[in-house]
């Protein structure tokens, strides 16, 4: 599926999002479009994520085109392919985009199990590769075209562990969807807490199939171990809601943390007494006290309606797409299928000055991972997602032995 979103009006309400960029958007119109590809889900258990990614991808292209396009006024054209749920289907989607559609960048395929297949295609055609989640493995490859502005397992897990220690939790039960990302999460927890003298004890780690919503049997067993905090990494908002409801039915009164898949729209029909006090450590959360965040929220409502709030991954995909296109413009090239052309875009990404909707400058590690100094811990209050506090990030949260890029933030 190909989408061409041409410029129709200026988006003055989000000028703050690119105020720090030195990229000139000229109005001259070229006849040929710059093609970039999105691989995402069009069916199956990850369909909700796929719809969010698609919406963000389209909005990002429209945003850039409305501001004059790139590379002398050329419009950007988006092409979408279905990635499926396996490495083989993800590779087929990436190959279609690279071979048939001749895109100049891959936004996805996403998630750790798909990343090796997707990266092999990006390497073959010297394309930038910007997945929403690619696992820690991706950044160990040192591919010059890698771009990631969503948090790794380290960046979401380690600050949350320090937060739990500070809050005084002692007995933590971990419930994980059985996906690669969560095995990384468990490994990090055990690396820190499976030590003599640790202030926190992991009473059990329970894996459930991805997308499972009937959790009563597992949670009944879990509560028999008297946890004072249940840390859930379920990666599906219906599962989050089912978890909350079941814990309330079972009379659990301890702390609960769920993944960052919740939105205000998902919470709206849930009785407030079920969700009250539940935590979620998010990459991005609505916070009108941050000017760039507020501007992004207003822009999103202009695009999709007054009741819409951007989902965590929507912000990530939007930011990665916009940032990549601005970097191409700064580099003066869309790439030419050679390692030399890719390196120009690589350099453009590292030299670009751009403030993301998080309110922070985008600074990339040498591996292509976006680095941030803080992350929002959200608490559900009166049925709404509210930032309770920002958790400080340290270099080791992102990558082990992170070099000097941290000093640039």
Protein backbone atom coordinates (compact mmCIF):
# COMPACT_ATOMS: atom_id res chain seq x y z
CA UNK A 1 0.00 0.00 0.00
CA UNK A 2 1.40 3.38 -1.02
CA UNK A 3 0.41 6.68 0.53
CA UNK A 4 1.28 10.13 -0.74
CA UNK A 5 0.44 12.82 1.77
CA UNK A 6 0.99 16.20 0.16
CA UNK A 7 1.22 19.51 1.94
CA UNK A 8 -2.07 21.31 2.44
CA UNK A 9 -1.60 23.69 5.36
CA UNK A 10 1.03 24.95 7.76
CA UNK A 11 1.12 23.30 11.17
CA UNK A 12 1.88 26.40 13.19
CA UNK A 13 0.72 24.77 16.44
CA UNK A 14 3.77 22.52 16.53
CA UNK A 15 6.47 24.99 15.57
CA UNK A 16 8.18 24.31 18.90
CA UNK A 17 8.86 20.73 17.82
CA UNK A 18 11.34 21.83 15.18
CA UNK A 19 12.40 25.17 16.58
CA UNK A 20 15.84 23.78 17.39
CA UNK A 21 16.34 22.41 13.88
CA UNK A 22 18.40 24.30 11.35
CA UNK A 23 16.69 22.56 8.43
CA UNK A 24 15.21 24.99 5.89
CA UNK A 25 11.90 23.84 4.41
CA UNK A 26 11.66 25.34 0.91
CA UNK A 27 8.47 25.46 -1.10
CA UNK A 28 9.79 24.51 -4.53
CA UNK A 29 8.16 21.32 -5.81
CA UNK A 30 10.13 18.52 -7.46
CA UNK A 31 8.45 15.92 -9.65
CA UNK A 32 9.84 12.84 -7.92
CA UNK A 33 8.93 11.75 -4.40
CA UNK A 34 11.22 10.33 -1.74
CA UNK A 35 9.88 6.90 -0.78
CA UNK A 36 10.17 5.44 2.69
CA UNK A 37 8.62 2.20 3.90
CA UNK A 38 6.74 1.12 7.01
CA UNK A 39 6.54 -2.59 7.86
CA UNK A 40 3.91 -3.25 10.52
CA UNK A 41 1.01 -5.50 11.48
CA UNK A 42 -2.28 -5.51 9.59
CA UNK A 43 -3.87 -8.44 11.47
CA UNK A 44 -3.35 -10.75 14.42
CA UNK A 45 -2.58 -10.08 18.11
CA UNK A 46 -0.45 -7.01 17.39
CA UNK A 47 -3.05 -5.30 15.17
CA UNK A 48 -3.65 -2.47 17.63
CA UNK A 49 0.05 -1.63 17.59
CA UNK A 50 0.04 -1.85 13.80
CA UNK A 51 -2.80 0.64 13.52
CA UNK A 52 -1.01 3.03 15.88
CA UNK A 53 2.24 2.75 13.92
CA UNK A 54 0.42 3.35 10.63
CA UNK A 55 -1.35 6.42 11.96
CA UNK A 56 1.90 7.88 13.31
CA UNK A 57 3.78 7.14 10.07
CA UNK A 58 1.15 8.89 7.97
CA UNK A 59 1.04 11.87 10.33
CA UNK A 60 4.83 12.23 10.25
CA UNK A 61 4.94 12.23 6.45
CA UNK A 62 2.14 14.77 6.28
CA UNK A 63 3.92 16.91 8.85
CA UNK A 64 7.12 17.03 6.78
CA UNK A 65 5.29 17.56 3.49
CA UNK A 66 3.16 20.35 4.96
CA UNK A 67 6.38 22.12 5.89
CA UNK A 68 7.78 21.95 2.36
CA UNK A 69 9.11 18.40 1.98
CA UNK A 70 12.82 17.63 1.87
CA UNK A 71 15.75 17.93 -0.52
CA UNK A 72 14.65 21.02 -2.38
CA UNK A 73 10.90 20.64 -2.00
CA UNK A 74 10.38 16.97 -2.81
CA UNK A 75 7.34 15.34 -1.25
CA UNK A 76 7.75 12.20 0.85
CA UNK A 77 5.75 9.12 -0.11
CA UNK A 78 5.01 6.35 2.37
CA UNK A 79 4.68 2.68 1.41
CA UNK A 80 3.27 0.14 3.89
CA UNK A 81 3.83 -3.63 4.02
CA UNK A 82 2.45 -6.23 6.43
CA UNK A 83 5.22 -7.75 8.53
CA UNK A 84 3.42 -10.67 10.15
CA UNK A 85 4.57 -12.31 13.38
CA UNK A 86 7.69 -14.25 12.36
CA UNK A 87 11.21 -13.47 11.22
CA UNK A 88 10.43 -14.95 7.80
CA UNK A 89 7.34 -12.80 7.24
CA UNK A 90 9.18 -9.71 8.48
CA UNK A 91 12.02 -10.32 6.04
CA UNK A 92 9.54 -10.80 3.19
CA UNK A 93 7.93 -7.44 4.04
CA UNK A 94 11.29 -5.68 4.16
CA UNK A 95 12.34 -7.23 0.85
CA UNK A 96 9.12 -6.10 -0.83
CA UNK A 97 9.72 -2.56 0.33
CA UNK A 98 13.37 -2.57 -0.73
CA UNK A 99 13.08 -4.44 -4.03
CA UNK A 100 9.64 -3.74 -5.45
CA UNK A 101 8.93 -0.33 -3.95
CA UNK A 102 12.56 0.84 -3.84
CA UNK A 103 12.14 2.73 -0.58
CA UNK A 104 15.03 4.75 0.79
CA UNK A 105 14.49 3.82 4.47
CA UNK A 106 12.79 1.11 6.55
CA UNK A 107 10.66 2.07 9.53
CA UNK A 108 10.33 -1.46 10.89
CA UNK A 109 9.92 -4.41 10.84
CA UNK A 110 9.59 -4.10 14.60
CA UNK A 111 10.35 -6.15 17.73
CA UNK A 112 13.36 -8.21 18.68
CA UNK A 113 12.36 -11.47 17.00
CA UNK A 114 12.03 -9.66 13.64
CA UNK A 115 15.11 -7.41 13.94
CA UNK A 116 17.78 -9.83 12.59
CA UNK A 117 15.79 -10.51 9.43
CA UNK A 118 14.97 -6.84 8.93
CA UNK A 119 18.54 -5.73 9.52
CA UNK A 120 19.85 -8.19 6.93
CA UNK A 121 17.67 -6.48 4.30
CA UNK A 122 18.73 -2.99 5.41
CA UNK A 123 22.39 -4.02 5.19
CA UNK A 124 21.93 -5.56 1.74
CA UNK A 125 20.46 -2.36 0.31
CA UNK A 126 22.32 0.17 2.53
CA UNK A 127 19.07 1.54 3.99
CA UNK A 128 18.46 3.31 7.30
CA UNK A 129 16.60 0.97 9.66
CA UNK A 130 14.36 2.53 12.35
CA UNK A 131 12.26 -0.04 14.27
CA UNK A 132 10.04 0.87 17.21
CA UNK A 133 11.55 -1.99 19.22
CA UNK A 134 14.56 -3.97 18.07
CA UNK A 135 15.95 -5.41 21.28
CA UNK A 136 19.41 -4.98 22.75
CA UNK A 137 20.78 -7.21 19.98
CA UNK A 138 20.21 -4.55 17.34
CA UNK A 139 22.51 -2.00 18.95
CA UNK A 140 25.32 -4.52 19.33
CA UNK A 141 25.53 -4.79 15.53
CA UNK A 142 26.90 -1.23 15.08
CA UNK A 143 25.08 -0.81 11.77
CA UNK A 144 25.52 2.85 10.71
CA UNK A 145 21.90 3.16 9.53
CA UNK A 146 20.28 2.17 12.84
CA UNK A 147 17.89 4.68 14.43
CA UNK A 148 15.94 3.95 17.62
CA UNK A 149 14.08 6.53 19.72
CA UNK A 150 12.14 4.08 21.88
CA UNK A 151 13.51 2.66 25.11
CA UNK A 152 15.48 -0.57 25.29
CA UNK A 153 14.77 -3.23 27.92
CA UNK A 154 17.60 -1.75 29.98
CA UNK A 155 16.25 1.78 29.81
CA UNK A 156 12.79 0.73 30.97
CA UNK A 157 13.84 -1.86 33.54
CA UNK A 158 16.79 -0.46 35.50
CA UNK A 159 15.27 2.95 36.44
CA UNK A 160 12.06 1.17 37.47
CA UNK A 161 14.04 -1.16 39.73
CA UNK A 162 15.68 1.78 41.48
CA UNK A 163 12.25 3.39 41.85
CA UNK A 164 10.83 0.23 43.49
CA UNK A 165 13.73 0.10 45.93
CA UNK A 166 13.14 3.76 46.81
CA UNK A 167 9.42 3.09 47.35
CA UNK A 168 10.27 0.30 49.79
CA UNK A 169 8.84 -2.72 47.97
CA UNK A 170 10.39 -5.98 49.21
CA UNK A 171 8.64 -8.91 47.50
CA UNK A 172 8.12 -8.59 43.77
CA UNK A 173 6.35 -11.04 41.52
CA UNK A 174 7.05 -10.67 37.81
CA UNK A 175 4.48 -11.66 35.18
CA UNK A 176 5.83 -11.57 31.63
CA UNK A 177 4.46 -12.16 28.15
CA UNK A 178 6.70 -14.79 26.56
CA UNK A 179 8.56 -12.57 24.08
CA UNK A 180 12.27 -11.88 23.56
CA UNK A 181 12.10 -8.39 25.08
CA UNK A 182 10.82 -9.76 28.38
CA UNK A 183 13.54 -12.38 28.67
CA UNK A 184 15.95 -9.43 28.57
CA UNK A 185 13.88 -7.77 31.31
CA UNK A 186 14.05 -10.86 33.54
CA UNK A 187 17.79 -11.18 32.97
CA UNK A 188 18.36 -7.60 34.11
CA UNK A 189 16.20 -8.05 37.21
CA UNK A 190 18.04 -11.16 38.27
CA UNK A 191 21.41 -9.60 37.55
CA UNK A 192 20.66 -6.93 40.16
CA UNK A 193 18.29 -8.58 42.65
CA UNK A 194 19.49 -12.21 42.75
CA UNK A 195 22.32 -11.26 45.09
CA UNK A 196 22.90 -11.67 48.79
CA UNK A 197 21.74 -8.58 50.63
CA UNK A 198 19.48 -7.35 47.83
CA UNK A 199 16.72 -5.07 49.18
CA UNK A 200 14.18 -6.74 46.88
CA UNK A 201 13.36 -10.41 46.45
CA UNK A 202 11.85 -11.81 43.23
CA UNK A 203 9.35 -14.27 44.67
CA UNK A 204 8.56 -15.76 41.24
CA UNK A 205 8.73 -15.10 37.50
CA UNK A 206 5.68 -16.25 35.56
CA UNK A 207 5.55 -16.37 31.77
CA UNK A 208 2.23 -16.35 29.89
CA UNK A 209 1.57 -16.60 26.14
CA UNK A 210 1.59 -13.25 24.35
CA UNK A 211 -1.93 -11.83 24.24
CA UNK A 212 -3.39 -14.11 26.93
CA UNK A 213 -6.20 -12.28 28.74
CA UNK A 214 -7.61 -14.90 31.16
CA UNK A 215 -5.11 -14.59 33.99
CA UNK A 216 -7.15 -15.77 37.00
CA UNK A 217 -5.33 -19.09 37.42
CA UNK A 218 -1.88 -17.49 37.21
CA UNK A 219 -2.78 -14.58 39.49
CA UNK A 220 -4.40 -16.83 42.13
CA UNK A 221 -1.14 -18.76 42.33
CA UNK A 222 0.85 -15.53 42.36
CA UNK A 223 -1.00 -14.04 45.32
CA UNK A 224 -0.27 -17.17 47.35
CA UNK A 225 3.34 -15.98 47.45
CA UNK A 226 2.41 -12.71 49.19
CA UNK A 227 4.00 -10.19 46.81
CA UNK A 228 3.81 -6.51 47.73
CA UNK A 229 4.25 -5.50 44.09
CA UNK A 230 3.22 -7.23 40.85
CA UNK A 231 5.36 -6.16 37.90
CA UNK A 232 3.61 -7.03 34.66
CA UNK A 233 5.17 -6.85 31.19
CA UNK A 234 2.20 -8.00 29.12
CA UNK A 235 2.53 -5.61 26.10
CA UNK A 236 -1.19 -5.51 25.39
CA UNK A 237 -3.73 -3.07 26.78
CA UNK A 238 -6.57 -5.66 26.96
CA UNK A 239 -4.29 -7.83 29.09
CA UNK A 240 -3.47 -4.83 31.31
CA UNK A 241 -7.17 -4.23 31.92
CA UNK A 242 -7.81 -7.93 32.57
CA UNK A 243 -4.91 -7.97 35.03
CA UNK A 244 -6.29 -5.01 36.98
CA UNK A 245 -9.82 -6.43 37.12
CA UNK A 246 -8.71 -9.88 38.22
CA UNK A 247 -6.43 -8.53 40.96
CA UNK A 248 -9.28 -6.43 42.35
CA UNK A 249 -11.62 -9.45 42.26
CA UNK A 250 -9.03 -11.47 44.18
CA UNK A 251 -8.72 -8.74 46.83
CA UNK A 252 -5.10 -7.82 46.14
CA UNK A 253 -4.11 -4.52 47.76
CA UNK A 254 -0.41 -4.27 46.88
CA UNK A 255 1.29 -2.26 44.16
CA UNK A 256 0.82 -2.96 40.45
CA UNK A 257 2.86 -1.89 37.44
CA UNK A 258 1.87 -2.57 33.83
CA UNK A 259 3.57 -1.94 30.51
CA UNK A 260 3.37 1.28 28.53
CA UNK A 261 0.57 0.17 26.20
CA UNK A 262 -2.24 2.00 28.01
CA UNK A 263 -3.96 5.09 26.65
CA UNK A 264 -6.63 7.40 28.03
CA UNK A 265 -9.06 6.00 25.45
CA UNK A 266 -8.46 2.42 26.65
CA UNK A 267 -9.00 3.44 30.27
CA UNK A 268 -12.19 5.45 29.63
CA UNK A 269 -14.69 2.54 29.95
CA UNK A 270 -12.88 0.92 32.92
CA UNK A 271 -14.39 1.61 36.36
CA UNK A 272 -12.05 4.00 38.15
CA UNK A 273 -11.82 1.88 41.28
CA UNK A 274 -10.24 -0.90 39.18
CA UNK A 275 -7.46 1.18 37.67
CA UNK A 276 -6.81 3.64 40.49
CA UNK A 277 -3.19 3.73 41.63
CA UNK A 278 -1.76 1.42 38.97
CA UNK A 279 1.68 2.49 37.68
CA UNK A 280 3.24 2.39 34.23
CA UNK A 281 6.80 3.35 33.30
CA UNK A 282 6.47 4.93 29.85
CA UNK A 283 8.72 6.18 27.06
CA UNK A 284 6.34 9.10 26.56
CA UNK A 285 3.36 10.33 28.54
CA UNK A 286 1.13 13.39 28.08
CA UNK A 287 2.53 16.25 30.15
CA UNK A 288 1.32 19.76 29.31
CA UNK A 289 3.98 21.17 31.66
CA UNK A 290 6.60 20.35 28.99
CA UNK A 291 6.17 22.87 26.10
CA UNK A 292 7.16 20.46 23.28
CA UNK A 293 4.95 17.77 24.79
CA UNK A 294 2.01 20.17 24.99
CA UNK A 295 2.57 21.27 21.39
CA UNK A 296 2.61 17.65 20.22
CA UNK A 297 -0.63 16.89 22.07
CA UNK A 298 -2.32 19.90 20.45
CA UNK A 299 -1.00 18.91 17.02
CA UNK A 300 -2.31 15.36 17.46
CA UNK A 301 -5.77 16.63 18.32
CA UNK A 302 -5.73 18.84 15.22
CA UNK A 303 -4.88 15.85 13.07
CA UNK A 304 -7.08 13.13 14.60
CA UNK A 305 -9.80 14.83 16.65
CA UNK A 306 -10.26 16.58 20.02
CA UNK A 307 -10.58 13.34 21.99
CA UNK A 308 -7.35 11.78 20.71
CA UNK A 309 -4.17 11.41 22.75
CA UNK A 310 -0.98 10.01 21.21
CA UNK A 311 -0.05 6.49 22.23
CA UNK A 312 3.51 5.84 23.45
CA UNK A 313 4.53 4.05 20.26
CA UNK A 314 2.78 6.65 18.10
CA UNK A 315 5.11 9.30 19.50
CA UNK A 316 8.08 7.01 18.89
CA UNK A 317 7.22 6.18 15.27
CA UNK A 318 6.29 9.80 14.51
CA UNK A 319 9.54 11.11 15.98
CA UNK A 320 11.72 8.51 14.25
CA UNK A 321 10.11 9.18 10.87
CA UNK A 322 10.37 12.96 11.16
CA UNK A 323 13.90 12.83 12.55
CA UNK A 324 15.08 10.50 9.78
CA UNK A 325 13.61 12.69 7.03
CA UNK A 326 15.13 15.83 8.52
CA UNK A 327 18.48 14.03 8.71
CA UNK A 328 18.25 13.13 5.00
CA UNK A 329 17.57 16.77 4.26
CA UNK A 330 20.51 17.86 6.40
CA UNK A 331 22.74 15.31 4.65
CA UNK A 332 21.56 16.47 1.22
CA UNK A 333 20.69 12.95 0.11
CA UNK A 334 18.02 10.27 0.33
CA UNK A 335 20.78 7.68 -0.06
CA UNK A 336 21.95 5.97 -3.23
CA UNK A 337 22.08 2.32 -2.16
CA UNK A 338 25.77 2.48 -1.29
CA UNK A 339 27.54 2.40 2.09
CA UNK A 340 28.94 5.85 1.30
CA UNK A 341 25.46 7.28 0.79
CA UNK A 342 24.27 5.64 3.99
CA UNK A 343 27.15 7.19 5.93
CA UNK A 344 26.06 10.65 4.80
CA UNK A 345 22.65 10.02 6.38
CA UNK A 346 24.38 8.55 9.44
CA UNK A 347 26.32 11.79 9.83
CA UNK A 348 23.17 13.83 9.20
CA UNK A 349 21.42 12.05 12.09
CA UNK A 350 24.26 12.83 14.47
CA UNK A 351 24.61 16.45 13.43
CA UNK A 352 20.90 17.27 13.44
CA UNK A 353 19.67 19.51 16.25
CA UNK A 354 16.05 18.60 16.97
CA UNK A 355 13.87 18.69 20.08
CA UNK A 356 11.51 15.72 20.34
CA UNK A 357 7.99 15.76 21.86
CA UNK A 358 9.65 14.56 25.09
CA UNK A 359 11.13 18.06 25.40
CA UNK A 360 14.73 16.94 25.02
CA UNK A 361 17.28 17.18 22.22
CA UNK A 362 17.71 13.95 20.30
CA UNK A 363 21.23 12.67 20.95
CA UNK A 364 22.24 9.34 19.41
CA UNK A 365 24.78 6.89 20.74
CA UNK A 366 27.29 5.61 18.19
CA UNK A 367 25.01 2.56 17.86
CA UNK A 368 22.05 4.75 16.78
CA UNK A 369 20.10 4.67 20.04
CA UNK A 370 18.39 7.85 21.25
CA UNK A 371 19.47 8.84 24.76
CA UNK A 372 17.35 10.68 27.35
CA UNK A 373 18.12 11.85 30.86
CA UNK A 374 14.71 11.04 32.36
CA UNK A 375 11.62 8.91 31.82
CA UNK A 376 8.04 9.38 33.07
CA UNK A 377 6.54 7.13 35.73
CA UNK A 378 2.79 7.39 35.25
CA UNK A 379 0.14 6.70 37.88
CA UNK A 380 -3.51 6.19 36.96
CA UNK A 381 -5.43 8.79 38.93
CA UNK A 382 -9.20 9.17 38.66
CA UNK A 383 -9.18 7.22 35.40
CA UNK A 384 -6.46 9.32 33.76
CA UNK A 385 -2.78 8.75 33.04
CA UNK A 386 -0.86 11.32 35.09
CA UNK A 387 2.92 11.74 35.31
CA UNK A 388 3.69 11.03 38.98
CA UNK A 389 7.40 11.74 38.66
CA UNK A 390 10.30 11.55 36.24
CA UNK A 391 12.84 8.82 36.89
CA UNK A 392 16.46 9.82 36.32
CA UNK A 393 18.33 7.80 33.70
CA UNK A 394 22.04 7.10 33.92
CA UNK A 395 24.38 6.01 31.09
CA UNK A 396 24.36 2.35 32.11
CA UNK A 397 20.57 2.27 31.72
CA UNK A 398 20.90 2.54 27.96
CA UNK A 399 23.91 0.47 26.98
CA UNK A 400 26.69 -1.05 29.07
CA UNK A 401 29.75 1.19 29.23
CA UNK A 402 28.09 3.94 27.19
CA UNK A 403 30.82 6.24 25.85
CA UNK A 404 30.97 10.02 25.66
CA UNK A 405 27.70 10.68 23.81
CA UNK A 406 26.00 11.00 27.21
CA UNK A 407 27.91 14.22 27.87
CA UNK A 408 26.23 15.84 24.85
CA UNK A 409 22.71 15.62 26.27
